Amino acid sequence: MIVIFDRQHYGKPGKNDQGAGFDLDGDGRIETQERETQLTPLYYRPAKERLEAMGHKVVILDSGWYSDRHKRANQIALSNPGERVVYLACHVNAGGGDYAAAIYDARSAGGKRLAEAVTAQLAGLPGIRRVRAARGTPTNGWKRGYATVKGIYAGPANISGMCLEPYFIDRPEHRFLASVQGGKLIADKLVAALLAW
């Protein structure tokens, strides 16, 4: 299996997009380490280490427009026709929700199965009251999540993608998940889901 973690928001040309932010330490400022682009590595890096230790190939994407990243991911899949390829658009959420979400392109059966495998594992995270494997389309309530993976559908049959929103940075019950230990717990769940998928 090849797993592609896309550190979204980070590395957009000419933009300082850091994604969601929240004053986690209560000092009245939202600092760099309290931003989405600094929090997603807390879960994808330990997942990368575990997957590589098991013999899987892991690629990190962290530059370019999302459409360019999708093309690179699809090229990796095209160049490895005998491998199952997973594309994960890595995010954390804001807005006070109580759930974890995995958003997939509504046209993708593989994306749906992937999202269901991931949400089944995330259901056990502390503070997560519910999980959602959500069908993203250009017009529904999940359209922003859909936009993060829509170019993957154009790829070869061996690639499936989803957008991962494992917690809400601004929900007190999810605060632990924004820590190094919380990131490792998310990584454990994510690796179990990928192996089950």
Foldseek 3Di string as FASTA:
>chain_A
DEEEEELPQAAEPPDPGQADFDDLVPPPDTDSCRTWSNQQCLAVVLLCVVCVVVPYHYHYHGHYDLLVVLVVQLVVCVVCVPAQYEYEHTTAAADADQAKEKEFALVDPVQLLLRVLLQVLLCPAFRRPHYYDHHEDCPDPCNVQCVNNVSNVVHDPRYGYIYTHSYHSPHVRCVVCSDSVVSHSSSVSSNSSVVVD
